[in-house]
PDB file of all heavy atoms in Angstrom:
ATOM      1  N   GLU A   1     146.471  91.202   2.531  1.00  0.00           N
ATOM      2  CA  GLU A   1     145.706  90.196   3.307  1.00  0.00           C
ATOM      3  C   GLU A   1     146.624  89.364   4.058  1.00  0.00           C
ATOM      4  O   GLU A   1     146.282  88.897   5.184  1.00  0.00           O
ATOM      5  CB  GLU A   1     144.800  89.422   2.390  1.00  0.00           C
ATOM      6  CG  GLU A   1     143.640  90.181   1.853  1.00  0.00           C
ATOM      7  CD  GLU A   1     142.584  90.550   2.764  1.00  0.00           C
ATOM      8  OE1 GLU A   1     142.548  89.794   3.848  1.00  0.00           O
ATOM      9  OE2 GLU A   1     141.859  91.481   2.619  1.00  0.00           O
ATOM     10  N   GLY A   2     147.885  89.062   3.556  1.00  0.00           N
ATOM     11  CA  GLY A   2     148.817  88.310   4.317  1.00  0.00           C
ATOM     12  C   GLY A   2     149.224  88.971   5.558  1.00  0.00           C
ATOM     13  O   GLY A   2     149.403  88.326   6.638  1.00  0.00           O
ATOM     14  N   SER A   3     149.477  90.304   5.466  1.00  0.00           N
ATOM     15  CA  SER A   3     149.807  91.091   6.605  1.00  0.00           C
ATOM     16  C   SER A   3     148.628  91.055   7.668  1.00  0.00           C
ATOM     17  O   SER A   3     148.939  90.980   8.842  1.00  0.00           O
ATOM     18  CB  SER A   3     150.133  92.488   6.214  1.00  0.00           C
ATOM     19  OG  SER A   3     151.267  92.517   5.339  1.00  0.00           O
ATOM     20  N   TYR A   4     147.430  91.234   7.196  1.00  0.00           N
ATOM     21  CA  TYR A   4     146.275  91.210   8.138  1.00  0.00           C
ATOM     22  C   TYR A   4     146.219  89.846   8.938  1.00  0.00           C
ATOM     23  O   TYR A   4     145.936  89.745  10.109  1.00  0.00           O
ATOM     24  CB  TYR A   4     144.983  91.423   7.472  1.00  0.00           C
ATOM     25  CG  TYR A   4     144.953  92.693   6.558  1.00  0.00           C
ATOM     26  CD1 TYR A   4     144.160  92.758   5.506  1.00  0.00           C
ATOM     27  CD2 TYR A   4     145.850  93.725   6.787  1.00  0.00           C
ATOM     28  CE1 TYR A   4     144.038  93.893   4.676  1.00  0.00           C
ATOM     29  CE2 TYR A   4     145.798  94.927   5.987  1.00  0.00           C
ATOM     30  CZ  TYR A   4     144.923  94.962   4.910  1.00  0.00           C
ATOM     31  OH  TYR A   4     144.939  95.937   3.993  1.00  0.00           O
ATOM     32  N   ARG A   5     146.473  88.765   8.100  1.00  0.00           N
ATOM     33  CA  ARG A   5     146.440  87.496   8.746  1.00  0.00           C
ATOM     34  C   ARG A   5     147.479  87.262   9.789  1.00  0.00           C
ATOM     35  O   ARG A   5     147.216  86.700  10.875  1.00  0.00           O
ATOM     36  CB  ARG A   5     146.541  86.407   7.643  1.00  0.00           C
ATOM     37  CG  ARG A   5     146.255  84.975   8.080  1.00  0.00           C
ATOM     38  CD  ARG A   5     145.873  84.068   6.914  1.00  0.00           C
ATOM     39  NE  ARG A   5     146.884  84.026   5.905  1.00  0.00           N
ATOM     40  CZ  ARG A   5     146.726  83.455   4.735  1.00  0.00           C
ATOM     41  NH1 ARG A   5     145.566  82.915   4.417  1.00  0.00           N
ATOM     42  NH2 ARG A   5     147.694  83.463   3.807  1.00  0.00           N
ATOM     43  N   SER A   6     148.679  87.834   9.497  1.00  0.00           N
ATOM     44  CA  SER A   6     149.748  87.825  10.443  1.00  0.00           C
ATOM     45  C   SER A   6     149.476  88.582  11.669  1.00  0.00           C
ATOM     46  O   SER A   6     149.719  88.148  12.871  1.00  0.00           O
ATOM     47  CB  SER A   6     151.050  88.324   9.817  1.00  0.00           C
ATOM     48  OG  SER A   6     152.054  88.471  10.734  1.00  0.00           O
ATOM     49  N   PHE A   7     148.817  89.768  11.527  1.00  0.00           N
ATOM     50  CA  PHE A   7     148.470  90.603  12.628  1.00  0.00           C
ATOM     51  C   PHE A   7     147.438  89.871  13.531  1.00  0.00           C
ATOM     52  O   PHE A   7     147.543  89.938  14.813  1.00  0.00           O
ATOM     53  CB  PHE A   7     147.809  91.911  12.157  1.00  0.00           C
ATOM     54  CG  PHE A   7     146.844  92.618  13.052  1.00  0.00           C
ATOM     55  CD1 PHE A   7     147.247  93.130  14.271  1.00  0.00           C
ATOM     56  CD2 PHE A   7     145.530  92.725  12.683  1.00  0.00           C
ATOM     57  CE1 PHE A   7     146.388  93.709  15.127  1.00  0.00           C
ATOM     58  CE2 PHE A   7     144.646  93.368  13.546  1.00  0.00           C
ATOM     59  CZ  PHE A   7     145.064  93.853  14.764  1.00  0.00           C
ATOM     60  N   LYS A   8     146.424  89.236  12.986  1.00  0.00           N
ATOM     61  CA  LYS A   8     145.442  88.569  13.740  1.00  0.00           C
ATOM     62  C   LYS A   8     145.977  87.468  14.676  1.00  0.00           C
ATOM     63  O   LYS A   8     145.413  87.218  15.733  1.00  0.00           O
ATOM     64  CB  LYS A   8     144.244  88.061  12.815  1.00  0.00           C
ATOM     65  CG  LYS A   8     143.455  89.078  12.205  1.00  0.00           C
ATOM     66  CD  LYS A   8     142.329  88.495  11.471  1.00  0.00           C
ATOM     67  CE  LYS A   8     141.191  87.991  12.421  1.00  0.00           C
ATOM     68  NZ  LYS A   8     139.928  87.602  11.647  1.00  0.00           N
ATOM     69  N   LYS A   9     147.072  86.825  14.215  1.00  0.00           N
ATOM     70  CA  LYS A   9     147.699  85.816  15.020  1.00  0.00           C
ATOM     71  C   LYS A   9     148.304  86.403  16.279  1.00  0.00           C
ATOM     72  O   LYS A   9     148.496  85.769  17.295  1.00  0.00           O
ATOM     73  CB  LYS A   9     148.787  85.087  14.232  1.00  0.00           C
ATOM     74  CG  LYS A   9     148.287  84.141  13.112  1.00  0.00           C
ATOM     75  CD  LYS A   9     149.363  83.514  12.385  1.00  0.00           C
ATOM     76  CE  LYS A   9     148.962  82.680  11.193  1.00  0.00           C
ATOM     77  NZ  LYS A   9     150.073  82.096  10.466  1.00  0.00           N
ATOM     78  N   ASN A  10     148.740  87.656  16.196  1.00  0.00           N
ATOM     79  CA  ASN A  10     149.407  88.355  17.369  1.00  0.00           C
ATOM     80  C   ASN A  10     148.432  89.000  18.270  1.00  0.00           C
ATOM     81  O   ASN A  10     148.766  89.506  19.382  1.00  0.00           O
ATOM     82  CB  ASN A  10     150.347  89.470  16.891  1.00  0.00           C
ATOM     83  CG  ASN A  10     151.477  88.835  16.154  1.00  0.00           C
ATOM     84  OD1 ASN A  10     151.965  87.844  16.429  1.00  0.00           O
ATOM     85  ND2 ASN A  10     152.061  89.674  15.211  1.00  0.00           N
ATOM     86  N   VAL A  11     147.163  89.010  18.020  1.00  0.00           N
ATOM     87  CA  VAL A  11     146.084  89.513  18.924  1.00  0.00           C
ATOM     88  C   VAL A  11     145.531  88.377  19.771  1.00  0.00           C
ATOM     89  O   VAL A  11     144.855  87.538  19.323  1.00  0.00           O
ATOM     90  CB  VAL A  11     144.952  90.170  18.071  1.00  0.00           C
ATOM     91  CG1 VAL A  11     143.882  90.736  19.001  1.00  0.00           C
ATOM     92  CG2 VAL A  11     145.406  91.215  17.271  1.00  0.00           C
ATOM     93  N   HIS A  12     145.944  88.464  21.032  1.00  0.00           N
ATOM     94  CA  HIS A  12     145.525  87.341  21.920  1.00  0.00           C
ATOM     95  C   HIS A  12     144.608  87.921  22.989  1.00  0.00           C
ATOM     96  O   HIS A  12     144.885  88.224  24.079  1.00  0.00           O
ATOM     97  CB  HIS A  12     146.738  86.796  22.681  1.00  0.00           C
ATOM     98  CG  HIS A  12     147.765  86.305  21.744  1.00  0.00           C
ATOM     99  ND1 HIS A  12     147.548  85.199  20.924  1.00  0.00           N
ATOM    100  CD2 HIS A  12     148.982  86.735  21.450  1.00  0.00           C
ATOM    101  CE1 HIS A  12     148.678  84.980  20.173  1.00  0.00           C
ATOM    102  NE2 HIS A  12     149.492  85.853  20.469  1.00  0.00           N
ATOM    103  N   LYS A  13     143.324  88.060  22.507  1.00  0.00           N
ATOM    104  CA  LYS A  13     142.184  88.463  23.428  1.00  0.00           C
ATOM    105  C   LYS A  13     142.506  89.841  24.117  1.00  0.00           C
ATOM    106  O   LYS A  13     142.062  90.027  25.213  1.00  0.00           O
ATOM    107  CB  LYS A  13     141.959  87.383  24.518  1.00  0.00           C
ATOM    108  CG  LYS A  13     141.441  86.098  23.886  1.00  0.00           C
ATOM    109  CD  LYS A  13     141.185  85.094  24.960  1.00  0.00           C
ATOM    110  CE  LYS A  13     140.697  83.738  24.400  1.00  0.00           C
ATOM    111  NZ  LYS A  13     140.471  82.730  25.422  1.00  0.00           N
ATOM    112  N   GLN A  14     143.268  90.674  23.448  1.00  0.00           N
ATOM    113  CA  GLN A  14     143.520  92.025  24.026  1.00  0.00           C
ATOM    114  C   GLN A  14     142.095  92.785  24.031  1.00  0.00           C
ATOM    115  O   GLN A  14     141.371  92.793  23.135  1.00  0.00           O
ATOM    116  CB  GLN A  14     144.419  92.843  23.126  1.00  0.00           C
ATOM    117  CG  GLN A  14     145.877  92.687  23.499  1.00  0.00           C
ATOM    118  CD  GLN A  14     146.612  91.634  22.694  1.00  0.00           C
ATOM    119  OE1 GLN A  14     145.938  90.754  22.111  1.00  0.00           O
ATOM    120  NE2 GLN A  14     147.888  91.589  22.593  1.00  0.00           N
ATOM    121  N   LYS A  15     141.917  93.387  25.177  1.00  0.00           N
ATOM    122  CA  LYS A  15     140.609  94.176  25.350  1.00  0.00           C
ATOM    123  C   LYS A  15     140.686  95.557  24.798  1.00  0.00           C
ATOM    124  O   LYS A  15     139.671  96.137  24.375  1.00  0.00           O
ATOM    125  CB  LYS A  15     140.312  94.261  26.861  1.00  0.00           C
ATOM    126  CG  LYS A  15     140.055  92.953  27.496  1.00  0.00           C
ATOM    127  CD  LYS A  15     138.906  92.234  26.943  1.00  0.00           C
ATOM    128  CE  LYS A  15     138.601  90.986  27.638  1.00  0.00           C
ATOM    129  NZ  LYS A  15     137.488  90.143  26.973  1.00  0.00           N
ATOM    130  N   HIS A  16     141.906  96.047  24.616  1.00  0.00           N
ATOM    131  CA  HIS A  16     142.012  97.421  23.992  1.00  0.00           C
ATOM    132  C   HIS A  16     143.261  97.499  23.140  1.00  0.00           C
ATOM    133  O   HIS A  16     144.341  97.028  23.498  1.00  0.00           O
ATOM    134  CB  HIS A  16     142.200  98.429  25.141  1.00  0.00           C
ATOM    135  CG  HIS A  16     142.301  99.836  24.678  1.00  0.00           C
ATOM    136  ND1 HIS A  16     143.162 100.745  25.231  1.00  0.00           N
ATOM    137  CD2 HIS A  16     141.744 100.558  23.700  1.00  0.00           C
ATOM    138  CE1 HIS A  16     143.057 101.878  24.674  1.00  0.00           C
ATOM    139  NE2 HIS A  16     142.111 101.774  23.715  1.00  0.00           N
ATOM    140  N   LEU A  17     143.046  98.108  21.983  1.00  0.00           N
ATOM    141  CA  LEU A  17     144.216  98.271  20.984  1.00  0.00           C
ATOM    142  C   LEU A  17     144.272  99.671  20.552  1.00  0.00           C
ATOM    143  O   LEU A  17     143.301 100.387  20.359  1.00  0.00           O
ATOM    144  CB  LEU A  17     143.993  97.343  19.811  1.00  0.00           C
ATOM    145  CG  LEU A  17     143.930  95.764  20.024  1.00  0.00           C
ATOM    146  CD1 LEU A  17     143.452  95.110  18.771  1.00  0.00           C
ATOM    147  CD2 LEU A  17     145.229  95.382  20.509  1.00  0.00           C
ATOM    148  N   LEU A  18     145.529 100.157  20.377  1.00  0.00           N
ATOM    149  CA  LEU A  18     145.701 101.489  19.722  1.00  0.00           C
ATOM    150  C   LEU A  18     145.914 101.319  18.234  1.00  0.00           C
ATOM    151  O   LEU A  18     146.784 100.432  17.861  1.00  0.00           O
ATOM    152  CB  LEU A  18     146.946 102.172  20.418  1.00  0.00           C
ATOM    153  CG  LEU A  18     146.936 102.359  21.865  1.00  0.00           C
ATOM    154  CD1 LEU A  18     148.213 103.133  22.314  1.00  0.00           C
ATOM    155  CD2 LEU A  18     145.736 103.165  22.287  1.00  0.00           C
ATOM    156  N   GLY A  19     145.190 102.089  17.443  1.00  0.00           N
ATOM    157  CA  GLY A  19     145.507 102.099  15.969  1.00  0.00           C
ATOM    158  C   GLY A  19     146.009 103.410  15.484  1.00  0.00           C
ATOM    159  O   GLY A  19     145.367 104.400  15.565  1.00  0.00           O
ATOM    160  N   ILE A  20     147.280 103.440  15.023  1.00  0.00           N
ATOM    161  CA  ILE A  20     147.944 104.538  14.612  1.00  0.00           C
ATOM    162  C   ILE A  20     147.942 104.634  13.113  1.00  0.00           C
ATOM    163  O   ILE A  20     148.543 103.692  12.448  1.00  0.00           O
ATOM    164  CB  ILE A  20     149.393 104.651  15.196  1.00  0.00           C
ATOM    165  CG1 ILE A  20     149.282 104.588  16.696  1.00  0.00           C
ATOM    166  CG2 ILE A  20     150.017 105.945  14.810  1.00  0.00           C
ATOM    167  CD1 ILE A  20     150.623 104.467  17.345  1.00  0.00           C
ATOM    168  N   GLN A  21     147.513 105.694  12.449  1.00  0.00           N
ATOM    169  CA  GLN A  21     147.470 105.707  10.968  1.00  0.00           C
ATOM    170  C   GLN A  21     148.069 107.031  10.500  1.00  0.00           C
ATOM    171  O   GLN A  21     147.980 108.054  11.162  1.00  0.00           O
ATOM    172  CB  GLN A  21     146.032 105.646  10.471  1.00  0.00           C
ATOM    173  CG  GLN A  21     144.960 106.582  11.068  1.00  0.00           C
ATOM    174  CD  GLN A  21     143.672 106.363  10.456  1.00  0.00           C
ATOM    175  OE1 GLN A  21     143.565 106.080   9.240  1.00  0.00           O
ATOM    176  NE2 GLN A  21     142.589 106.549  11.126  1.00  0.00           N
ATOM    177  N   ASP A  22     148.667 106.988   9.355  1.00  0.00           N
ATOM    178  CA  ASP A  22     149.317 108.094   8.715  1.00  0.00           C
ATOM    179  C   ASP A  22     149.542 107.765   7.277  1.00  0.00           C
ATOM    180  O   ASP A  22     149.407 106.663   6.881  1.00  0.00           O
ATOM    181  CB  ASP A  22     150.669 108.388   9.471  1.00  0.00           C
ATOM    182  CG  ASP A  22     151.076 109.925   9.245  1.00  0.00           C
ATOM    183  OD1 ASP A  22     150.298 110.764   8.443  1.00  0.00           O
ATOM    184  OD2 ASP A  22     152.079 110.331   9.751  1.00  0.00           O
ATOM    185  N   THR A  23     149.949 108.851   6.527  1.00  0.00           N
ATOM    186  CA  THR A  23     150.206 108.726   5.066  1.00  0.00           C
ATOM    187  C   THR A  23     151.548 109.068   4.723  1.00  0.00           C
ATOM    188  O   THR A  23     152.114 109.999   5.243  1.00  0.00           O
ATOM    189  CB  THR A  23     149.213 109.576   4.336  1.00  0.00           C
ATOM    190  OG1 THR A  23     147.852 109.394   4.679  1.00  0.00           O
ATOM    191  CG2 THR A  23     149.325 109.440   2.847  1.00  0.00           C
ATOM    192  N   THR A  24     152.132 108.234   3.911  1.00  0.00           N
ATOM    193  CA  THR A  24     153.479 108.605   3.338  1.00  0.00           C
ATOM    194  C   THR A  24     153.408 108.573   1.779  1.00  0.00           C
ATOM    195  O   THR A  24     152.536 107.811   1.278  1.00  0.00           O
ATOM    196  CB  THR A  24     154.598 107.639   3.859  1.00  0.00           C
ATOM    197  OG1 THR A  24     155.946 108.105   3.378  1.00  0.00           O
ATOM    198  CG2 THR A  24     154.308 106.208   3.272  1.00  0.00           C
ATOM    199  N   GLU A  25     154.276 109.261   1.153  1.00  0.00           N
ATOM    200  CA  GLU A  25     154.253 109.211  -0.346  1.00  0.00           C
ATOM    201  C   GLU A  25     155.568 108.572  -0.745  1.00  0.00           C
ATOM    202  O   GLU A  25     156.596 108.856  -0.189  1.00  0.00           O
ATOM    203  CB  GLU A  25     154.109 110.636  -0.866  1.00  0.00           C
ATOM    204  CG  GLU A  25     155.086 111.610  -0.548  1.00  0.00           C
ATOM    205  CD  GLU A  25     154.945 112.995  -1.156  1.00  0.00           C
ATOM    206  OE1 GLU A  25     153.766 113.348  -1.413  1.00  0.00           O
ATOM    207  OE2 GLU A  25     155.906 113.745  -1.375  1.00  0.00           O
ATOM    208  N   ASN A  26     155.515 107.692  -1.748  1.00  0.00           N
ATOM    209  CA  ASN A  26     156.705 107.115  -2.322  1.00  0.00           C
ATOM    210  C   ASN A  26     156.955 107.880  -3.596  1.00  0.00           C
ATOM    211  O   ASN A  26     156.162 107.794  -4.555  1.00  0.00           O
ATOM    212  CB  ASN A  26     156.334 105.625  -2.652  1.00  0.00           C
ATOM    213  CG  ASN A  26     156.429 104.776  -1.380  1.00  0.00           C
ATOM    214  OD1 ASN A  26     156.430 105.358  -0.320  1.00  0.00           O
ATOM    215  ND2 ASN A  26     156.482 103.434  -1.522  1.00  0.00           N
ATOM    216  N   ASN A  27     158.214 108.336  -3.682  1.00  0.00           N
ATOM    217  CA  ASN A  27     158.501 109.292  -4.849  1.00  0.00           C
ATOM    218  C   ASN A  27     159.411 108.577  -5.784  1.00  0.00           C
ATOM    219  O   ASN A  27     160.527 108.066  -5.393  1.00  0.00           O
ATOM    220  CB  ASN A  27     159.195 110.564  -4.203  1.00  0.00           C
ATOM    221  CG  ASN A  27     159.389 111.626  -5.220  1.00  0.00           C
ATOM    222  OD1 ASN A  27     159.666 111.333  -6.450  1.00  0.00           O
ATOM    223  ND2 ASN A  27     159.418 112.891  -4.850  1.00  0.00           N
ATOM    224  N   TYR A  28     158.990 108.413  -7.003  1.00  0.00           N
ATOM    225  CA  TYR A  28     159.762 107.762  -8.043  1.00  0.00           C
ATOM    226  C   TYR A  28     160.123 108.632  -9.214  1.00  0.00           C
ATOM    227  O   TYR A  28     160.259 108.266 -10.346  1.00  0.00           O
ATOM    228  CB  TYR A  28     159.017 106.505  -8.482  1.00  0.00           C
ATOM    229  CG  TYR A  28     158.861 105.494  -7.484  1.00  0.00           C
ATOM    230  CD1 TYR A  28     157.650 105.350  -6.677  1.00  0.00           C
ATOM    231  CD2 TYR A  28     159.966 104.679  -7.106  1.00  0.00           C
ATOM    232  CE1 TYR A  28     157.522 104.405  -5.719  1.00  0.00           C
ATOM    233  CE2 TYR A  28     159.816 103.796  -6.069  1.00  0.00           C
ATOM    234  CZ  TYR A  28     158.643 103.619  -5.338  1.00  0.00           C
ATOM    235  OH  TYR A  28     158.510 102.724  -4.368  1.00  0.00           O
TER     236      TYR A  28
END
């Protein structure tokens, strides 16, 4: 939620945004 809050501060009335999603695995 802290990351989302930081992201919203950087959105200044942009009319269009690209959302790039992918999956990674953390191997332990």
